[in-house]
Amino acid sequence: MFDSLNERLSGLFDRLSGRGVLSEKDVDEALREVRVALLEADVALPVVRKFMDKARELATRRSDHQGRQTRRSGGQGRL
């Protein structure tokens, strides 16, 4: 069970790494894959919901921060 979860999450992170800034669509797709992987690994639904809410909050906060940084620096924001 954990091997399968590890493989799915590792594959997801491998696909996402090196992309730079992720779009909202990329984040939605990645979170969907994480949710499915966790549920298939029999993680309790309340735990999955709480994790997904926190992950979305962090991803949104990070993208907002990068957007402000990019606007301030004339397109020279850090990745």
PDB file of N, CA and C in Angstrom:
ATOM      1  N   MET A   1       0.823  -1.183   0.000  1.00  0.00           N
ATOM      2  CA  MET A   1       0.000   0.000   0.000  1.00  0.00           C
ATOM      3  C   MET A   1       0.876   1.259   0.000  1.00  0.00           C
ATOM      4  N   PHE A   2       1.843   1.347   0.922  1.00  0.00           N
ATOM      5  CA  PHE A   2       2.683   2.542   0.987  1.00  0.00           C
ATOM      6  C   PHE A   2       3.644   2.619  -0.188  1.00  0.00           C
ATOM      7  N   ASP A   3       4.048   1.468  -0.713  1.00  0.00           N
ATOM      8  CA  ASP A   3       4.913   1.477  -1.893  1.00  0.00           C
ATOM      9  C   ASP A   3       4.186   2.098  -3.084  1.00  0.00           C
ATOM     10  N   SER A   4       2.930   1.732  -3.247  1.00  0.00           N
ATOM     11  CA  SER A   4       2.128   2.281  -4.341  1.00  0.00           C
ATOM     12  C   SER A   4       1.943   3.789  -4.170  1.00  0.00           C
ATOM     13  N   LEU A   5       1.644   4.211  -2.947  1.00  0.00           N
ATOM     14  CA  LEU A   5       1.477   5.638  -2.671  1.00  0.00           C
ATOM     15  C   LEU A   5       2.780   6.376  -2.948  1.00  0.00           C
ATOM     16  N   ASN A   6       3.877   5.820  -2.491  1.00  0.00           N
ATOM     17  CA  ASN A   6       5.187   6.429  -2.721  1.00  0.00           C
ATOM     18  C   ASN A   6       5.488   6.554  -4.212  1.00  0.00           C
ATOM     19  N   GLU A   7       5.208   5.521  -4.970  1.00  0.00           N
ATOM     20  CA  GLU A   7       5.462   5.549  -6.414  1.00  0.00           C
ATOM     21  C   GLU A   7       4.612   6.617  -7.105  1.00  0.00           C
ATOM     22  N   ARG A   8       3.344   6.698  -6.739  1.00  0.00           N
ATOM     23  CA  ARG A   8       2.456   7.677  -7.379  1.00  0.00           C
ATOM     24  C   ARG A   8       2.873   9.104  -7.057  1.00  0.00           C
ATOM     25  N   LEU A   9       3.183   9.356  -5.789  1.00  0.00           N
ATOM     26  CA  LEU A   9       3.578  10.708  -5.404  1.00  0.00           C
ATOM     27  C   LEU A   9       4.944  11.075  -5.983  1.00  0.00           C
ATOM     28  N   SER A  10       5.858  10.120  -6.001  1.00  0.00           N
ATOM     29  CA  SER A  10       7.183  10.380  -6.598  1.00  0.00           C
ATOM     30  C   SER A  10       7.053  10.700  -8.078  1.00  0.00           C
ATOM     31  N   GLY A  11       6.207   9.958  -8.779  1.00  0.00           N
ATOM     32  CA  GLY A  11       5.987  10.211 -10.201  1.00  0.00           C
ATOM     33  C   GLY A  11       5.389  11.590 -10.438  1.00  0.00           C
ATOM     34  N   LEU A  12       4.443  11.966  -9.589  1.00  0.00           N
ATOM     35  CA  LEU A  12       3.827  13.285  -9.702  1.00  0.00           C
ATOM     36  C   LEU A  12       4.868  14.382  -9.492  1.00  0.00           C
ATOM     37  N   PHE A  13       5.668  14.274  -8.451  1.00  0.00           N
ATOM     38  CA  PHE A  13       6.667  15.298  -8.176  1.00  0.00           C
ATOM     39  C   PHE A  13       7.749  15.336  -9.250  1.00  0.00           C
ATOM     40  N   ASP A  14       8.085  14.192  -9.812  1.00  0.00           N
ATOM     41  CA  ASP A  14       9.045  14.170 -10.916  1.00  0.00           C
ATOM     42  C   ASP A  14       8.509  14.944 -12.118  1.00  0.00           C
ATOM     43  N   ARG A  15       7.223  14.768 -12.410  1.00  0.00           N
ATOM     44  CA  ARG A  15       6.619  15.478 -13.544  1.00  0.00           C
ATOM     45  C   ARG A  15       6.538  16.989 -13.300  1.00  0.00           C
ATOM     46  N   LEU A  16       6.336  17.366 -12.047  1.00  0.00           N
ATOM     47  CA  LEU A  16       6.184  18.785 -11.732  1.00  0.00           C
ATOM     48  C   LEU A  16       7.521  19.515 -11.582  1.00  0.00           C
ATOM     49  N   SER A  17       8.542  18.786 -11.186  1.00  0.00           N
ATOM     50  CA  SER A  17       9.824  19.453 -10.950  1.00  0.00           C
ATOM     51  C   SER A  17      10.397  19.970 -12.265  1.00  0.00           C
ATOM     52  N   GLY A  18      11.024  21.089 -12.189  1.00  0.00           N
ATOM     53  CA  GLY A  18      11.625  21.683 -13.370  1.00  0.00           C
ATOM     54  C   GLY A  18      10.672  22.523 -14.200  1.00  0.00           C
ATOM     55  N   ARG A  19       9.415  22.611 -13.810  1.00  0.00           N
ATOM     56  CA  ARG A  19       8.458  23.409 -14.577  1.00  0.00           C
ATOM     57  C   ARG A  19       8.519  24.892 -14.238  1.00  0.00           C
ATOM     58  N   GLY A  20       9.153  25.237 -13.148  1.00  0.00           N
ATOM     59  CA  GLY A  20       9.136  26.636 -12.719  1.00  0.00           C
ATOM     60  C   GLY A  20       7.847  26.934 -12.007  1.00  0.00           C
ATOM     61  N   VAL A  21       7.208  28.024 -12.352  1.00  0.00           N
ATOM     62  CA  VAL A  21       5.952  28.419 -11.721  1.00  0.00           C
ATOM     63  C   VAL A  21       4.817  27.585 -12.297  1.00  0.00           C
ATOM     64  N   LEU A  22       3.996  27.039 -11.408  1.00  0.00           N
ATOM     65  CA  LEU A  22       2.864  26.216 -11.835  1.00  0.00           C
ATOM     66  C   LEU A  22       1.632  27.084 -12.006  1.00  0.00           C
ATOM     67  N   SER A  23       0.852  26.753 -13.009  1.00  0.00           N
ATOM     68  CA  SER A  23      -0.415  27.460 -13.209  1.00  0.00           C
ATOM     69  C   SER A  23      -1.447  26.908 -12.231  1.00  0.00           C
ATOM     70  N   GLU A  24      -2.558  27.600 -12.118  1.00  0.00           N
ATOM     71  CA  GLU A  24      -3.639  27.128 -11.255  1.00  0.00           C
ATOM     72  C   GLU A  24      -4.137  25.763 -11.738  1.00  0.00           C
ATOM     73  N   LYS A  25      -4.177  25.566 -13.037  1.00  0.00           N
ATOM     74  CA  LYS A  25      -4.594  24.280 -13.603  1.00  0.00           C
ATOM     75  C   LYS A  25      -3.621  23.174 -13.202  1.00  0.00           C
ATOM     76  N   ASP A  26      -2.316  23.461 -13.250  1.00  0.00           N
ATOM     77  CA  ASP A  26      -1.306  22.475 -12.834  1.00  0.00           C
ATOM     78  C   ASP A  26      -1.502  22.080 -11.371  1.00  0.00           C
ATOM     79  N   VAL A  27      -1.740  23.077 -10.530  1.00  0.00           N
ATOM     80  CA  VAL A  27      -1.949  22.820  -9.103  1.00  0.00           C
ATOM     81  C   VAL A  27      -3.204  21.977  -8.904  1.00  0.00           C
ATOM     82  N   ASP A  28      -4.287  22.318  -9.584  1.00  0.00           N
ATOM     83  CA  ASP A  28      -5.535  21.549  -9.463  1.00  0.00           C
ATOM     84  C   ASP A  28      -5.337  20.095  -9.871  1.00  0.00           C
ATOM     85  N   GLU A  29      -4.650  19.876 -10.987  1.00  0.00           N
ATOM     86  CA  GLU A  29      -4.412  18.513 -11.460  1.00  0.00           C
ATOM     87  C   GLU A  29      -3.525  17.736 -10.488  1.00  0.00           C
ATOM     88  N   ALA A  30      -2.494  18.388  -9.976  1.00  0.00           N
ATOM     89  CA  ALA A  30      -1.598  17.722  -9.037  1.00  0.00           C
ATOM     90  C   ALA A  30      -2.327  17.362  -7.749  1.00  0.00           C
ATOM     91  N   LEU A  31      -3.118  18.290  -7.236  1.00  0.00           N
ATOM     92  CA  LEU A  31      -3.866  18.010  -6.010  1.00  0.00           C
ATOM     93  C   LEU A  31      -4.894  16.910  -6.220  1.00  0.00           C
ATOM     94  N   ARG A  32      -5.487  16.868  -7.387  1.00  0.00           N
ATOM     95  CA  ARG A  32      -6.446  15.794  -7.696  1.00  0.00           C
ATOM     96  C   ARG A  32      -5.734  14.432  -7.657  1.00  0.00           C
ATOM     97  N   GLU A  33      -4.554  14.369  -8.259  1.00  0.00           N
ATOM     98  CA  GLU A  33      -3.789  13.117  -8.252  1.00  0.00           C
ATOM     99  C   GLU A  33      -3.386  12.716  -6.839  1.00  0.00           C
ATOM    100  N   VAL A  34      -2.990  13.693  -6.033  1.00  0.00           N
ATOM    101  CA  VAL A  34      -2.618  13.399  -4.648  1.00  0.00           C
ATOM    102  C   VAL A  34      -3.831  12.878  -3.885  1.00  0.00           C
ATOM    103  N   ARG A  35      -4.985  13.529  -4.056  1.00  0.00           N
ATOM    104  CA  ARG A  35      -6.208  13.098  -3.366  1.00  0.00           C
ATOM    105  C   ARG A  35      -6.554  11.651  -3.714  1.00  0.00           C
ATOM    106  N   VAL A  36      -6.519  11.327  -4.995  1.00  0.00           N
ATOM    107  CA  VAL A  36      -6.845   9.968  -5.422  1.00  0.00           C
ATOM    108  C   VAL A  36      -5.847   8.966  -4.854  1.00  0.00           C
ATOM    109  N   ALA A  37      -4.564   9.308  -4.888  1.00  0.00           N
ATOM    110  CA  ALA A  37      -3.530   8.404  -4.367  1.00  0.00           C
ATOM    111  C   ALA A  37      -3.730   8.155  -2.874  1.00  0.00           C
ATOM    112  N   LEU A  38      -4.046   9.195  -2.129  1.00  0.00           N
ATOM    113  CA  LEU A  38      -4.270   9.033  -0.690  1.00  0.00           C
ATOM    114  C   LEU A  38      -5.500   8.180  -0.406  1.00  0.00           C
ATOM    115  N   LEU A  39      -6.576   8.415  -1.143  1.00  0.00           N
ATOM    116  CA  LEU A  39      -7.790   7.626  -0.935  1.00  0.00           C
ATOM    117  C   LEU A  39      -7.572   6.161  -1.319  1.00  0.00           C
ATOM    118  N   GLU A  40      -6.837   5.931  -2.398  1.00  0.00           N
ATOM    119  CA  GLU A  40      -6.557   4.549  -2.801  1.00  0.00           C
ATOM    120  C   GLU A  40      -5.647   3.841  -1.800  1.00  0.00           C
ATOM    121  N   ALA A  41      -4.867   4.623  -1.033  1.00  0.00           N
ATOM    122  CA  ALA A  41      -4.011   4.053   0.000  1.00  0.00           C
ATOM    123  C   ALA A  41      -4.761   3.907   1.331  1.00  0.00           C
ATOM    124  N   ASP A  42      -6.085   4.074   1.282  1.00  0.00           N
ATOM    125  CA  ASP A  42      -6.958   3.916   2.446  1.00  0.00           C
ATOM    126  C   ASP A  42      -6.693   4.921   3.558  1.00  0.00           C
ATOM    127  N   VAL A  43      -6.264   6.118   3.199  1.00  0.00           N
ATOM    128  CA  VAL A  43      -6.155   7.192   4.177  1.00  0.00           C
ATOM    129  C   VAL A  43      -7.574   7.672   4.467  1.00  0.00           C
ATOM    130  N   ALA A  44      -7.864   7.926   5.730  1.00  0.00           N
ATOM    131  CA  ALA A  44      -9.211   8.331   6.134  1.00  0.00           C
ATOM    132  C   ALA A  44      -9.626   9.618   5.429  1.00  0.00           C
ATOM    133  N   LEU A  45     -10.871   9.662   5.005  1.00  0.00           N
ATOM    134  CA  LEU A  45     -11.393  10.805   4.261  1.00  0.00           C
ATOM    135  C   LEU A  45     -11.223  12.138   5.001  1.00  0.00           C
ATOM    136  N   PRO A  46     -11.501  12.216   6.304  1.00  0.00           N
ATOM    137  CA  PRO A  46     -11.283  13.502   6.992  1.00  0.00           C
ATOM    138  C   PRO A  46      -9.812  13.946   6.955  1.00  0.00           C
ATOM    139  N   VAL A  47      -8.912  13.007   7.022  1.00  0.00           N
ATOM    140  CA  VAL A  47      -7.480  13.321   6.957  1.00  0.00           C
ATOM    141  C   VAL A  47      -7.131  13.837   5.566  1.00  0.00           C
ATOM    142  N   VAL A  48      -7.661  13.196   4.543  1.00  0.00           N
ATOM    143  CA  VAL A  48      -7.405  13.622   3.161  1.00  0.00           C
ATOM    144  C   VAL A  48      -7.953  15.030   2.944  1.00  0.00           C
ATOM    145  N   ARG A  49      -9.156  15.287   3.416  1.00  0.00           N
ATOM    146  CA  ARG A  49      -9.756  16.613   3.241  1.00  0.00           C
ATOM    147  C   ARG A  49      -8.918  17.700   3.921  1.00  0.00           C
ATOM    148  N   LYS A  50      -8.507  17.433   5.140  1.00  0.00           N
ATOM    149  CA  LYS A  50      -7.706  18.417   5.871  1.00  0.00           C
ATOM    150  C   LYS A  50      -6.369  18.654   5.165  1.00  0.00           C
ATOM    151  N   PHE A  51      -5.733  17.583   4.709  1.00  0.00           N
ATOM    152  CA  PHE A  51      -4.460  17.699   3.996  1.00  0.00           C
ATOM    153  C   PHE A  51      -4.642  18.499   2.705  1.00  0.00           C
ATOM    154  N   MET A  52      -5.693  18.201   1.964  1.00  0.00           N
ATOM    155  CA  MET A  52      -5.923  18.877   0.690  1.00  0.00           C
ATOM    156  C   MET A  52      -6.200  20.361   0.903  1.00  0.00           C
ATOM    157  N   ASP A  53      -6.973  20.695   1.933  1.00  0.00           N
ATOM    158  CA  ASP A  53      -7.246  22.102   2.225  1.00  0.00           C
ATOM    159  C   ASP A  53      -5.955  22.848   2.537  1.00  0.00           C
ATOM    160  N   LYS A  54      -5.105  22.241   3.352  1.00  0.00           N
ATOM    161  CA  LYS A  54      -3.840  22.878   3.725  1.00  0.00           C
ATOM    162  C   LYS A  54      -2.911  22.981   2.513  1.00  0.00           C
ATOM    163  N   ALA A  55      -2.846  21.942   1.703  1.00  0.00           N
ATOM    164  CA  ALA A  55      -1.984  21.961   0.516  1.00  0.00           C
ATOM    165  C   ALA A  55      -2.430  23.040  -0.463  1.00  0.00           C
ATOM    166  N   ARG A  56      -3.734  23.163  -0.675  1.00  0.00           N
ATOM    167  CA  ARG A  56      -4.259  24.196  -1.583  1.00  0.00           C
ATOM    168  C   ARG A  56      -3.953  25.589  -1.032  1.00  0.00           C
ATOM    169  N   GLU A  57      -4.133  25.768   0.271  1.00  0.00           N
ATOM    170  CA  GLU A  57      -3.845  27.057   0.896  1.00  0.00           C
ATOM    171  C   GLU A  57      -2.369  27.431   0.698  1.00  0.00           C
ATOM    172  N   LEU A  58      -1.484  26.486   0.938  1.00  0.00           N
ATOM    173  CA  LEU A  58      -0.055  26.759   0.784  1.00  0.00           C
ATOM    174  C   LEU A  58       0.316  27.019  -0.672  1.00  0.00           C
ATOM    175  N   ALA A  59      -0.244  26.251  -1.582  1.00  0.00           N
ATOM    176  CA  ALA A  59       0.057  26.440  -3.004  1.00  0.00           C
ATOM    177  C   ALA A  59      -0.448  27.794  -3.483  1.00  0.00           C
ATOM    178  N   THR A  60      -1.627  28.190  -3.024  1.00  0.00           N
ATOM    179  CA  THR A  60      -2.198  29.480  -3.415  1.00  0.00           C
ATOM    180  C   THR A  60      -1.392  30.617  -2.822  1.00  0.00           C
ATOM    181  N   ARG A  61      -1.021  30.494  -1.560  1.00  0.00           N
ATOM    182  CA  ARG A  61      -0.238  31.537  -0.911  1.00  0.00           C
ATOM    183  C   ARG A  61       1.106  31.708  -1.606  1.00  0.00           C
ATOM    184  N   ARG A  62       1.734  30.619  -1.971  1.00  0.00           N
ATOM    185  CA  ARG A  62       3.034  30.683  -2.633  1.00  0.00           C
ATOM    186  C   ARG A  62       2.909  31.329  -4.006  1.00  0.00           C
ATOM    187  N   SER A  63       1.881  30.964  -4.776  1.00  0.00           N
ATOM    188  CA  SER A  63       1.718  31.549  -6.101  1.00  0.00           C
ATOM    189  C   SER A  63       1.383  33.033  -6.002  1.00  0.00           C
ATOM    190  N   ASP A  64       0.591  33.423  -4.981  1.00  0.00           N
ATOM    191  CA  ASP A  64       0.303  34.841  -4.775  1.00  0.00           C
ATOM    192  C   ASP A  64       1.574  35.605  -4.446  1.00  0.00           C
ATOM    193  N   HIS A  65       2.400  35.040  -3.602  1.00  0.00           N
ATOM    194  CA  HIS A  65       3.665  35.682  -3.221  1.00  0.00           C
ATOM    195  C   HIS A  65       4.572  35.841  -4.432  1.00  0.00           C
ATOM    196  N   GLN A  66       4.653  34.811  -5.254  1.00  0.00           N
ATOM    197  CA  GLN A  66       5.508  34.885  -6.446  1.00  0.00           C
ATOM    198  C   GLN A  66       4.975  35.909  -7.427  1.00  0.00           C
ATOM    199  N   GLY A  67       3.648  36.031  -7.522  1.00  0.00           N
ATOM    200  CA  GLY A  67       3.061  37.013  -8.421  1.00  0.00           C
ATOM    201  C   GLY A  67       3.387  38.425  -7.992  1.00  0.00           C
ATOM    202  N   ARG A  68       3.277  38.701  -6.699  1.00  0.00           N
ATOM    203  CA  ARG A  68       3.622  40.030  -6.193  1.00  0.00           C
ATOM    204  C   ARG A  68       5.097  40.314  -6.404  1.00  0.00           C
ATOM    205  N   GLN A  69       5.927  39.301  -6.166  1.00  0.00           N
ATOM    206  CA  GLN A  69       7.366  39.470  -6.324  1.00  0.00           C
ATOM    207  C   GLN A  69       7.703  39.766  -7.781  1.00  0.00           C
ATOM    208  N   THR A  70       7.037  39.094  -8.694  1.00  0.00           N
ATOM    209  CA  THR A  70       7.293  39.290 -10.122  1.00  0.00           C
ATOM    210  C   THR A  70       6.857  40.687 -10.554  1.00  0.00           C
ATOM    211  N   ARG A  71       5.711  41.149 -10.093  1.00  0.00           N
ATOM    212  CA  ARG A  71       5.250  42.491 -10.465  1.00  0.00           C
ATOM    213  C   ARG A  71       6.194  43.562  -9.937  1.00  0.00           C
ATOM    214  N   ARG A  72       6.694  43.397  -8.730  1.00  0.00           N
ATOM    215  CA  ARG A  72       7.582  44.387  -8.137  1.00  0.00           C
ATOM    216  C   ARG A  72       8.911  44.482  -8.865  1.00  0.00           C
ATOM    217  N   SER A  73       9.394  43.357  -9.333  1.00  0.00           N
ATOM    218  CA  SER A  73      10.738  43.336  -9.878  1.00  0.00           C
ATOM    219  C   SER A  73      10.754  43.363 -11.406  1.00  0.00           C
ATOM    220  N   GLY A  74       9.656  43.722 -12.002  1.00  0.00           N
ATOM    221  CA  GLY A  74       9.615  43.818 -13.464  1.00  0.00           C
ATOM    222  C   GLY A  74       9.823  42.507 -14.168  1.00  0.00           C
ATOM    223  N   GLY A  75       9.275  41.414 -13.617  1.00  0.00           N
ATOM    224  CA  GLY A  75       9.379  40.125 -14.279  1.00  0.00           C
ATOM    225  C   GLY A  75      10.595  39.322 -13.871  1.00  0.00           C
ATOM    226  N   GLN A  76      11.321  39.777 -12.869  1.00  0.00           N
ATOM    227  CA  GLN A  76      12.514  39.067 -12.437  1.00  0.00           C
ATOM    228  C   GLN A  76      12.285  38.317 -11.139  1.00  0.00           C
ATOM    229  N   GLY A  77      11.077  37.784 -10.936  1.00  0.00           N
ATOM    230  CA  GLY A  77      10.758  37.044  -9.704  1.00  0.00           C
ATOM    231  C   GLY A  77      11.555  35.765  -9.592  1.00  0.00           C
ATOM    232  N   ARG A  78      11.767  35.360  -8.370  1.00  0.00           N
ATOM    233  CA  ARG A  78      12.494  34.101  -8.110  1.00  0.00           C
ATOM    234  C   ARG A  78      11.561  32.926  -8.236  1.00  0.00           C
ATOM    235  N   LEU A  79      12.108  31.784  -8.606  1.00  0.00           N
ATOM    236  CA  LEU A  79      11.325  30.554  -8.678  1.00  0.00           C
ATOM    237  C   LEU A  79      11.579  29.730  -7.454  1.00  0.00           C
TER     238      LEU A  79
END
